[in-house]
Amino acid sequence: MSNFVELDVLNKLKGASSLSPPVVAMKNEVEDVQIYLNPKEPHTFLVYTTTNYFLDGALVNHGSQLYEVSVLKREEQFILGEFKVIGNMTEVDGV
């Protein structure tokens, strides 16, 4: 991934994971992605995802996440320059 993101973004993503393998089978399935351009800041986007999380094949959580993403151009390639979690939303009793 180092060719596609800034080093500090990559380090943050690495820090969010564990080096040891999980004890149970885990699966993260993205159901929907919506991307919104920020007209006041070029190359800055809001990304809204809806995700299903499974443990041992059973759905344990369905939620949505909102991220702020900045894209930079390095030589002839675009990379993620900033990746911020704005919020996590989880359904409560089907709402």
PDB file of N, CA and C in Angstrom:
ATOM      1  N   MET A   1       0.812  -1.196   0.000  1.00  0.00           N
ATOM      2  CA  MET A   1       0.000   0.000   0.000  1.00  0.00           C
ATOM      3  C   MET A   1       0.855   1.260   0.000  1.00  0.00           C
ATOM      4  N   SER A   2       2.141   1.133   0.248  1.00  0.00           N
ATOM      5  CA  SER A   2       2.981   2.319   0.389  1.00  0.00           C
ATOM      6  C   SER A   2       3.028   3.171  -0.871  1.00  0.00           C
ATOM      7  N   ASN A   3       2.689   2.603  -2.016  1.00  0.00           N
ATOM      8  CA  ASN A   3       2.649   3.386  -3.257  1.00  0.00           C
ATOM      9  C   ASN A   3       1.365   4.188  -3.404  1.00  0.00           C
ATOM     10  N   PHE A   4       0.388   3.953  -2.538  1.00  0.00           N
ATOM     11  CA  PHE A   4      -0.923   4.563  -2.712  1.00  0.00           C
ATOM     12  C   PHE A   4      -1.337   5.489  -1.581  1.00  0.00           C
ATOM     13  N   VAL A   5      -0.571   5.528  -0.496  1.00  0.00           N
ATOM     14  CA  VAL A   5      -0.928   6.378   0.638  1.00  0.00           C
ATOM     15  C   VAL A   5       0.320   7.053   1.198  1.00  0.00           C
ATOM     16  N   GLU A   6       0.120   8.160   1.891  1.00  0.00           N
ATOM     17  CA  GLU A   6       1.212   8.819   2.591  1.00  0.00           C
ATOM     18  C   GLU A   6       1.655   7.925   3.756  1.00  0.00           C
ATOM     19  N   LEU A   7       2.903   8.044   4.165  1.00  0.00           N
ATOM     20  CA  LEU A   7       3.462   7.188   5.216  1.00  0.00           C
ATOM     21  C   LEU A   7       2.687   7.284   6.524  1.00  0.00           C
ATOM     22  N   ASP A   8       2.282   8.499   6.952  1.00  0.00           N
ATOM     23  CA  ASP A   8       1.546   8.623   8.219  1.00  0.00           C
ATOM     24  C   ASP A   8       0.170   7.967   8.142  1.00  0.00           C
ATOM     25  N   VAL A   9      -0.470   7.987   6.957  1.00  0.00           N
ATOM     26  CA  VAL A   9      -1.762   7.306   6.782  1.00  0.00           C
ATOM     27  C   VAL A   9      -1.557   5.804   6.899  1.00  0.00           C
ATOM     28  N   LEU A  10      -0.515   5.287   6.258  1.00  0.00           N
ATOM     29  CA  LEU A  10      -0.222   3.855   6.319  1.00  0.00           C
ATOM     30  C   LEU A  10       0.064   3.421   7.754  1.00  0.00           C
ATOM     31  N   ASN A  11       0.817   4.216   8.501  1.00  0.00           N
ATOM     32  CA  ASN A  11       1.124   3.877   9.893  1.00  0.00           C
ATOM     33  C   ASN A  11      -0.134   3.860  10.759  1.00  0.00           C
ATOM     34  N   LYS A  12      -1.070   4.791  10.512  1.00  0.00           N
ATOM     35  CA  LYS A  12      -2.329   4.797  11.264  1.00  0.00           C
ATOM     36  C   LYS A  12      -3.141   3.548  10.964  1.00  0.00           C
ATOM     37  N   LEU A  13      -3.183   3.146   9.685  1.00  0.00           N
ATOM     38  CA  LEU A  13      -3.929   1.946   9.315  1.00  0.00           C
ATOM     39  C   LEU A  13      -3.285   0.700   9.910  1.00  0.00           C
ATOM     40  N   LYS A  14      -1.952   0.638   9.920  1.00  0.00           N
ATOM     41  CA  LYS A  14      -1.258  -0.492  10.537  1.00  0.00           C
ATOM     42  C   LYS A  14      -1.545  -0.549  12.027  1.00  0.00           C
ATOM     43  N   GLY A  15      -1.585   0.611  12.670  1.00  0.00           N
ATOM     44  CA  GLY A  15      -1.834   0.674  14.099  1.00  0.00           C
ATOM     45  C   GLY A  15      -3.216   0.208  14.492  1.00  0.00           C
ATOM     46  N   ALA A  16      -4.139   0.198  13.548  1.00  0.00           N
ATOM     47  CA  ALA A  16      -5.513  -0.220  13.841  1.00  0.00           C
ATOM     48  C   ALA A  16      -5.671  -1.732  13.788  1.00  0.00           C
ATOM     49  N   SER A  17      -4.613  -2.445  13.404  1.00  0.00           N
ATOM     50  CA  SER A  17      -4.719  -3.900  13.297  1.00  0.00           C
ATOM     51  C   SER A  17      -3.736  -4.578  14.247  1.00  0.00           C
ATOM     52  N   SER A  18      -3.959  -5.847  14.435  1.00  0.00           N
ATOM     53  CA  SER A  18      -3.099  -6.641  15.307  1.00  0.00           C
ATOM     54  C   SER A  18      -2.134  -7.456  14.460  1.00  0.00           C
ATOM     55  N   LEU A  19      -0.957  -7.738  14.987  1.00  0.00           N
ATOM     56  CA  LEU A  19       0.011  -8.549  14.253  1.00  0.00           C
ATOM     57  C   LEU A  19      -0.277 -10.034  14.378  1.00  0.00           C
ATOM     58  N   SER A  20      -1.046 -10.444  15.380  1.00  0.00           N
ATOM     59  CA  SER A  20      -1.366 -11.859  15.536  1.00  0.00           C
ATOM     60  C   SER A  20      -2.656 -12.199  14.796  1.00  0.00           C
ATOM     61  N   PRO A  21      -2.769 -13.427  14.291  1.00  0.00           N
ATOM     62  CA  PRO A  21      -3.979 -13.805  13.546  1.00  0.00           C
ATOM     63  C   PRO A  21      -5.195 -13.868  14.465  1.00  0.00           C
ATOM     64  N   PRO A  22      -6.387 -13.563  13.931  1.00  0.00           N
ATOM     65  CA  PRO A  22      -7.597 -13.628  14.765  1.00  0.00           C
ATOM     66  C   PRO A  22      -7.907 -15.061  15.176  1.00  0.00           C
ATOM     67  N   VAL A  23      -8.571 -15.217  16.317  1.00  0.00           N
ATOM     68  CA  VAL A  23      -8.916 -16.539  16.829  1.00  0.00           C
ATOM     69  C   VAL A  23     -10.155 -17.086  16.113  1.00  0.00           C
ATOM     70  N   VAL A  24     -11.046 -16.212  15.680  1.00  0.00           N
ATOM     71  CA  VAL A  24     -12.244 -16.620  14.954  1.00  0.00           C
ATOM     72  C   VAL A  24     -12.212 -16.006  13.551  1.00  0.00           C
ATOM     73  N   ALA A  25     -12.959 -16.613  12.651  1.00  0.00           N
ATOM     74  CA  ALA A  25     -13.029 -16.086  11.282  1.00  0.00           C
ATOM     75  C   ALA A  25     -13.775 -14.760  11.282  1.00  0.00           C
ATOM     76  N   MET A  26     -13.136 -13.714  10.758  1.00  0.00           N
ATOM     77  CA  MET A  26     -13.739 -12.385  10.692  1.00  0.00           C
ATOM     78  C   MET A  26     -13.874 -11.978   9.234  1.00  0.00           C
ATOM     79  N   LYS A  27     -14.967 -11.274   8.937  1.00  0.00           N
ATOM     80  CA  LYS A  27     -15.185 -10.798   7.580  1.00  0.00           C
ATOM     81  C   LYS A  27     -15.821  -9.419   7.640  1.00  0.00           C
ATOM     82  N   ASN A  28     -15.327  -8.514   6.830  1.00  0.00           N
ATOM     83  CA  ASN A  28     -15.843  -7.160   6.728  1.00  0.00           C
ATOM     84  C   ASN A  28     -16.321  -7.003   5.285  1.00  0.00           C
ATOM     85  N   GLU A  29     -17.603  -6.806   5.082  1.00  0.00           N
ATOM     86  CA  GLU A  29     -18.189  -6.742   3.745  1.00  0.00           C
ATOM     87  C   GLU A  29     -18.810  -5.364   3.513  1.00  0.00           C
ATOM     88  N   VAL A  30     -18.258  -4.626   2.556  1.00  0.00           N
ATOM     89  CA  VAL A  30     -18.795  -3.301   2.244  1.00  0.00           C
ATOM     90  C   VAL A  30     -20.047  -3.481   1.385  1.00  0.00           C
ATOM     91  N   GLU A  31     -21.149  -2.947   1.862  1.00  0.00           N
ATOM     92  CA  GLU A  31     -22.439  -3.069   1.188  1.00  0.00           C
ATOM     93  C   GLU A  31     -22.671  -1.918   0.206  1.00  0.00           C
ATOM     94  N   ASP A  32     -22.226  -0.703   0.596  1.00  0.00           N
ATOM     95  CA  ASP A  32     -22.481   0.470  -0.235  1.00  0.00           C
ATOM     96  C   ASP A  32     -21.416   1.522   0.032  1.00  0.00           C
ATOM     97  N   VAL A  33     -21.053   2.276  -1.004  1.00  0.00           N
ATOM     98  CA  VAL A  33     -20.106   3.389  -0.881  1.00  0.00           C
ATOM     99  C   VAL A  33     -20.683   4.587  -1.624  1.00  0.00           C
ATOM    100  N   GLN A  34     -20.702   5.738  -0.944  1.00  0.00           N
ATOM    101  CA  GLN A  34     -21.121   6.985  -1.579  1.00  0.00           C
ATOM    102  C   GLN A  34     -19.995   7.993  -1.378  1.00  0.00           C
ATOM    103  N   ILE A  35     -19.636   8.701  -2.442  1.00  0.00           N
ATOM    104  CA  ILE A  35     -18.528   9.653  -2.389  1.00  0.00           C
ATOM    105  C   ILE A  35     -19.055  11.038  -2.742  1.00  0.00           C
ATOM    106  N   TYR A  36     -18.715  12.010  -1.888  1.00  0.00           N
ATOM    107  CA  TYR A  36     -19.159  13.386  -2.088  1.00  0.00           C
ATOM    108  C   TYR A  36     -17.930  14.288  -2.219  1.00  0.00           C
ATOM    109  N   LEU A  37     -17.876  15.068  -3.282  1.00  0.00           N
ATOM    110  CA  LEU A  37     -16.788  16.007  -3.529  1.00  0.00           C
ATOM    111  C   LEU A  37     -17.007  17.273  -2.720  1.00  0.00           C
ATOM    112  N   ASN A  38     -15.950  17.785  -2.126  1.00  0.00           N
ATOM    113  CA  ASN A  38     -16.009  19.054  -1.420  1.00  0.00           C
ATOM    114  C   ASN A  38     -15.652  20.151  -2.426  1.00  0.00           C
ATOM    115  N   PRO A  39     -16.623  20.945  -2.876  1.00  0.00           N
ATOM    116  CA  PRO A  39     -16.344  21.943  -3.914  1.00  0.00           C
ATOM    117  C   PRO A  39     -15.423  23.073  -3.450  1.00  0.00           C
ATOM    118  N   LYS A  40     -15.306  23.262  -2.129  1.00  0.00           N
ATOM    119  CA  LYS A  40     -14.455  24.330  -1.612  1.00  0.00           C
ATOM    120  C   LYS A  40     -13.003  23.898  -1.433  1.00  0.00           C
ATOM    121  N   GLU A  41     -12.760  22.599  -1.381  1.00  0.00           N
ATOM    122  CA  GLU A  41     -11.400  22.079  -1.220  1.00  0.00           C
ATOM    123  C   GLU A  41     -11.159  21.006  -2.277  1.00  0.00           C
ATOM    124  N   PRO A  42     -10.464  21.366  -3.360  1.00  0.00           N
ATOM    125  CA  PRO A  42     -10.199  20.380  -4.415  1.00  0.00           C
ATOM    126  C   PRO A  42      -9.480  19.146  -3.863  1.00  0.00           C
ATOM    127  N   HIS A  43      -9.818  18.013  -4.397  1.00  0.00           N
ATOM    128  CA  HIS A  43      -9.200  16.731  -4.050  1.00  0.00           C
ATOM    129  C   HIS A  43      -9.517  16.282  -2.628  1.00  0.00           C
ATOM    130  N   THR A  44     -10.599  16.827  -2.034  1.00  0.00           N
ATOM    131  CA  THR A  44     -11.051  16.404  -0.715  1.00  0.00           C
ATOM    132  C   THR A  44     -12.472  15.872  -0.845  1.00  0.00           C
ATOM    133  N   PHE A  45     -12.706  14.718  -0.240  1.00  0.00           N
ATOM    134  CA  PHE A  45     -13.979  14.029  -0.411  1.00  0.00           C
ATOM    135  C   PHE A  45     -14.507  13.549   0.933  1.00  0.00           C
ATOM    136  N   LEU A  46     -15.838  13.415   1.041  1.00  0.00           N
ATOM    137  CA  LEU A  46     -16.471  12.679   2.122  1.00  0.00           C
ATOM    138  C   LEU A  46     -16.856  11.328   1.545  1.00  0.00           C
ATOM    139  N   VAL A  47     -16.506  10.278   2.255  1.00  0.00           N
ATOM    140  CA  VAL A  47     -16.812   8.921   1.811  1.00  0.00           C
ATOM    141  C   VAL A  47     -17.689   8.275   2.877  1.00  0.00           C
ATOM    142  N   TYR A  48     -18.882   7.845   2.467  1.00  0.00           N
ATOM    143  CA  TYR A  48     -19.856   7.226   3.364  1.00  0.00           C
ATOM    144  C   TYR A  48     -19.994   5.763   2.980  1.00  0.00           C
ATOM    145  N   THR A  49     -19.669   4.859   3.909  1.00  0.00           N
ATOM    146  CA  THR A  49     -19.755   3.428   3.610  1.00  0.00           C
ATOM    147  C   THR A  49     -20.764   2.758   4.529  1.00  0.00           C
ATOM    148  N   THR A  50     -21.408   1.729   4.018  1.00  0.00           N
ATOM    149  CA  THR A  50     -22.271   0.860   4.815  1.00  0.00           C
ATOM    150  C   THR A  50     -21.615  -0.510   4.803  1.00  0.00           C
ATOM    151  N   THR A  51     -21.404  -1.061   5.996  1.00  0.00           N
ATOM    152  CA  THR A  51     -20.601  -2.272   6.128  1.00  0.00           C
ATOM    153  C   THR A  51     -21.294  -3.310   7.001  1.00  0.00           C
ATOM    154  N   ASN A  52     -21.117  -4.584   6.632  1.00  0.00           N
ATOM    155  CA  ASN A  52     -21.567  -5.711   7.446  1.00  0.00           C
ATOM    156  C   ASN A  52     -20.338  -6.389   8.036  1.00  0.00           C
ATOM    157  N   TYR A  53     -20.392  -6.710   9.328  1.00  0.00           N
ATOM    158  CA  TYR A  53     -19.295  -7.387  10.012  1.00  0.00           C
ATOM    159  C   TYR A  53     -19.756  -8.780  10.448  1.00  0.00           C
ATOM    160  N   PHE A  54     -18.958  -9.782  10.113  1.00  0.00           N
ATOM    161  CA  PHE A  54     -19.292 -11.168  10.425  1.00  0.00           C
ATOM    162  C   PHE A  54     -18.216 -11.789  11.314  1.00  0.00           C
ATOM    163  N   LEU A  55     -18.634 -12.583  12.301  1.00  0.00           N
ATOM    164  CA  LEU A  55     -17.740 -13.414  13.106  1.00  0.00           C
ATOM    165  C   LEU A  55     -18.199 -14.851  12.970  1.00  0.00           C
ATOM    166  N   ASP A  56     -17.289 -15.721  12.595  1.00  0.00           N
ATOM    167  CA  ASP A  56     -17.612 -17.139  12.365  1.00  0.00           C
ATOM    168  C   ASP A  56     -18.843 -17.304  11.471  1.00  0.00           C
ATOM    169  N   GLY A  57     -18.975 -16.451  10.457  1.00  0.00           N
ATOM    170  CA  GLY A  57     -20.059 -16.550   9.494  1.00  0.00           C
ATOM    171  C   GLY A  57     -21.369 -15.904   9.919  1.00  0.00           C
ATOM    172  N   ALA A  58     -21.453 -15.428  11.157  1.00  0.00           N
ATOM    173  CA  ALA A  58     -22.692 -14.816  11.640  1.00  0.00           C
ATOM    174  C   ALA A  58     -22.567 -13.295  11.601  1.00  0.00           C
ATOM    175  N   LEU A  59     -23.610 -12.626  11.087  1.00  0.00           N
ATOM    176  CA  LEU A  59     -23.646 -11.168  11.062  1.00  0.00           C
ATOM    177  C   LEU A  59     -23.758 -10.645  12.488  1.00  0.00           C
ATOM    178  N   VAL A  60     -22.764  -9.848  12.909  1.00  0.00           N
ATOM    179  CA  VAL A  60     -22.776  -9.335  14.282  1.00  0.00           C
ATOM    180  C   VAL A  60     -22.989  -7.826  14.337  1.00  0.00           C
ATOM    181  N   ASN A  61     -22.790  -7.150  13.208  1.00  0.00           N
ATOM    182  CA  ASN A  61     -22.969  -5.709  13.213  1.00  0.00           C
ATOM    183  C   ASN A  61     -23.199  -5.219  11.786  1.00  0.00           C
ATOM    184  N   HIS A  62     -24.096  -4.259  11.670  1.00  0.00           N
ATOM    185  CA  HIS A  62     -24.362  -3.580  10.402  1.00  0.00           C
ATOM    186  C   HIS A  62     -24.294  -2.105  10.721  1.00  0.00           C
ATOM    187  N   GLY A  63     -23.363  -1.407  10.094  1.00  0.00           N
ATOM    188  CA  GLY A  63     -23.221   0.003  10.428  1.00  0.00           C
ATOM    189  C   GLY A  63     -22.673   0.812   9.276  1.00  0.00           C
ATOM    190  N   SER A  64     -22.581   2.106   9.499  1.00  0.00           N
ATOM    191  CA  SER A  64     -22.093   3.026   8.478  1.00  0.00           C
ATOM    192  C   SER A  64     -20.957   3.857   9.059  1.00  0.00           C
ATOM    193  N   GLN A  65     -20.046   4.229   8.195  1.00  0.00           N
ATOM    194  CA  GLN A  65     -18.898   5.021   8.583  1.00  0.00           C
ATOM    195  C   GLN A  65     -18.780   6.221   7.655  1.00  0.00           C
ATOM    196  N   LEU A  66     -18.276   7.327   8.200  1.00  0.00           N
ATOM    197  CA  LEU A  66     -18.055   8.531   7.408  1.00  0.00           C
ATOM    198  C   LEU A  66     -16.585   8.904   7.540  1.00  0.00           C
ATOM    199  N   TYR A  67     -15.930   9.100   6.396  1.00  0.00           N
ATOM    200  CA  TYR A  67     -14.511   9.428   6.351  1.00  0.00           C
ATOM    201  C   TYR A  67     -14.300  10.714   5.557  1.00  0.00           C
ATOM    202  N   GLU A  68     -13.246  11.456   5.906  1.00  0.00           N
ATOM    203  CA  GLU A  68     -12.783  12.563   5.087  1.00  0.00           C
ATOM    204  C   GLU A  68     -11.475  12.096   4.449  1.00  0.00           C
ATOM    205  N   VAL A  69     -11.416  12.169   3.125  1.00  0.00           N
ATOM    206  CA  VAL A  69     -10.274  11.652   2.382  1.00  0.00           C
ATOM    207  C   VAL A  69      -9.717  12.747   1.492  1.00  0.00           C
ATOM    208  N   SER A  70      -8.390  12.896   1.516  1.00  0.00           N
ATOM    209  CA  SER A  70      -7.714  13.834   0.620  1.00  0.00           C
ATOM    210  C   SER A  70      -6.829  13.045  -0.327  1.00  0.00           C
ATOM    211  N   VAL A  71      -6.827  13.456  -1.579  1.00  0.00           N
ATOM    212  CA  VAL A  71      -6.035  12.783  -2.605  1.00  0.00           C
ATOM    213  C   VAL A  71      -4.939  13.736  -3.066  1.00  0.00           C
ATOM    214  N   LEU A  72      -3.720  13.212  -3.139  1.00  0.00           N
ATOM    215  CA  LEU A  72      -2.571  13.980  -3.610  1.00  0.00           C
ATOM    216  C   LEU A  72      -2.037  13.373  -4.896  1.00  0.00           C
ATOM    217  N   LYS A  73      -1.360  14.194  -5.691  1.00  0.00           N
ATOM    218  CA  LYS A  73      -0.726  13.677  -6.893  1.00  0.00           C
ATOM    219  C   LYS A  73       0.778  13.641  -6.660  1.00  0.00           C
ATOM    220  N   ARG A  74       1.356  12.461  -6.739  1.00  0.00           N
ATOM    221  CA  ARG A  74       2.798  12.271  -6.589  1.00  0.00           C
ATOM    222  C   ARG A  74       3.315  11.761  -7.928  1.00  0.00           C
ATOM    223  N   GLU A  75       4.116  12.598  -8.570  1.00  0.00           N
ATOM    224  CA  GLU A  75       4.588  12.330  -9.930  1.00  0.00           C
ATOM    225  C   GLU A  75       3.366  12.132 -10.823  1.00  0.00           C
ATOM    226  N   GLU A  76       3.167  10.972 -11.387  1.00  0.00           N
ATOM    227  CA  GLU A  76       2.014  10.734 -12.269  1.00  0.00           C
ATOM    228  C   GLU A  76       0.958   9.844 -11.615  1.00  0.00           C
ATOM    229  N   GLN A  77       1.025   9.707 -10.296  1.00  0.00           N
ATOM    230  CA  GLN A  77       0.128   8.799  -9.596  1.00  0.00           C
ATOM    231  C   GLN A  77      -0.617   9.542  -8.488  1.00  0.00           C
ATOM    232  N   PHE A  78      -1.883   9.182  -8.283  1.00  0.00           N
ATOM    233  CA  PHE A  78      -2.672   9.746  -7.193  1.00  0.00           C
ATOM    234  C   PHE A  78      -2.585   8.817  -5.986  1.00  0.00           C
ATOM    235  N   ILE A  79      -2.425   9.411  -4.788  1.00  0.00           N
ATOM    236  CA  ILE A  79      -2.336   8.637  -3.554  1.00  0.00           C
ATOM    237  C   ILE A  79      -3.249   9.259  -2.507  1.00  0.00           C
ATOM    238  N   LEU A  80      -3.577   8.476  -1.463  1.00  0.00           N
ATOM    239  CA  LEU A  80      -4.334   9.009  -0.337  1.00  0.00           C
ATOM    240  C   LEU A  80      -3.374   9.818   0.529  1.00  0.00           C
ATOM    241  N   GLY A  81      -3.664  11.099   0.702  1.00  0.00           N
ATOM    242  CA  GLY A  81      -2.807  11.957   1.493  1.00  0.00           C
ATOM    243  C   GLY A  81      -3.281  12.103   2.917  1.00  0.00           C
ATOM    244  N   GLU A  82      -4.584  11.933   3.133  1.00  0.00           N
ATOM    245  CA  GLU A  82      -5.151  12.038   4.476  1.00  0.00           C
ATOM    246  C   GLU A  82      -6.397  11.174   4.532  1.00  0.00           C
ATOM    247  N   PHE A  83      -6.612  10.530   5.654  1.00  0.00           N
ATOM    248  CA  PHE A  83      -7.727   9.607   5.824  1.00  0.00           C
ATOM    249  C   PHE A  83      -8.213   9.750   7.258  1.00  0.00           C
ATOM    250  N   LYS A  84      -9.329  10.467   7.467  1.00  0.00           N
ATOM    251  CA  LYS A  84      -9.845  10.718   8.817  1.00  0.00           C
ATOM    252  C   LYS A  84     -11.194  10.037   8.994  1.00  0.00           C
ATOM    253  N   VAL A  85     -11.371   9.371  10.122  1.00  0.00           N
ATOM    254  CA  VAL A  85     -12.673   8.825  10.476  1.00  0.00           C
ATOM    255  C   VAL A  85     -13.463   9.953  11.114  1.00  0.00           C
ATOM    256  N   ILE A  86     -14.582  10.317  10.494  1.00  0.00           N
ATOM    257  CA  ILE A  86     -15.435  11.387  11.016  1.00  0.00           C
ATOM    258  C   ILE A  86     -16.451  10.807  12.008  1.00  0.00           C
ATOM    259  N   GLY A  87     -16.944   9.600  11.727  1.00  0.00           N
ATOM    260  CA  GLY A  87     -17.909   9.001  12.644  1.00  0.00           C
ATOM    261  C   GLY A  87     -18.325   7.609  12.236  1.00  0.00           C
ATOM    262  N   ASN A  88     -18.809   6.845  13.209  1.00  0.00           N
ATOM    263  CA  ASN A  88     -19.365   5.522  12.995  1.00  0.00           C
ATOM    264  C   ASN A  88     -20.801   5.546  13.460  1.00  0.00           C
ATOM    265  N   MET A  89     -21.691   5.010  12.631  1.00  0.00           N
ATOM    266  CA  MET A  89     -23.104   4.960  12.971  1.00  0.00           C
ATOM    267  C   MET A  89     -23.549   3.488  12.954  1.00  0.00           C
ATOM    268  N   THR A  90     -24.234   3.068  14.003  1.00  0.00           N
ATOM    269  CA  THR A  90     -24.689   1.693  14.107  1.00  0.00           C
ATOM    270  C   THR A  90     -26.194   1.676  14.314  1.00  0.00           C
ATOM    271  N   GLU A  91     -26.870   0.726  13.633  1.00  0.00           N
ATOM    272  CA  GLU A  91     -28.322   0.591  13.816  1.00  0.00           C
ATOM    273  C   GLU A  91     -28.634   0.171  15.239  1.00  0.00           C
ATOM    274  N   VAL A  92     -29.702   0.724  15.795  1.00  0.00           N
ATOM    275  CA  VAL A  92     -30.175   0.320  17.105  1.00  0.00           C
ATOM    276  C   VAL A  92     -31.611  -0.154  16.926  1.00  0.00           C
ATOM    277  N   ASP A  93     -31.852  -1.422  17.184  1.00  0.00           N
ATOM    278  CA  ASP A  93     -33.200  -2.010  17.036  1.00  0.00           C
ATOM    279  C   ASP A  93     -33.778  -1.764  15.649  1.00  0.00           C
ATOM    280  N   GLY A  94     -32.953  -1.934  14.612  1.00  0.00           N
ATOM    281  CA  GLY A  94     -33.433  -1.812  13.237  1.00  0.00           C
ATOM    282  C   GLY A  94     -33.666  -0.403  12.757  1.00  0.00           C
ATOM    283  N   VAL A  95     -33.259   0.601  13.524  1.00  0.00           N
ATOM    284  CA  VAL A  95     -33.481   1.993  13.132  1.00  0.00           C
ATOM    285  C   VAL A  95     -32.226   2.567  12.516  1.00  0.00           C
TER     286      VAL A  95
END
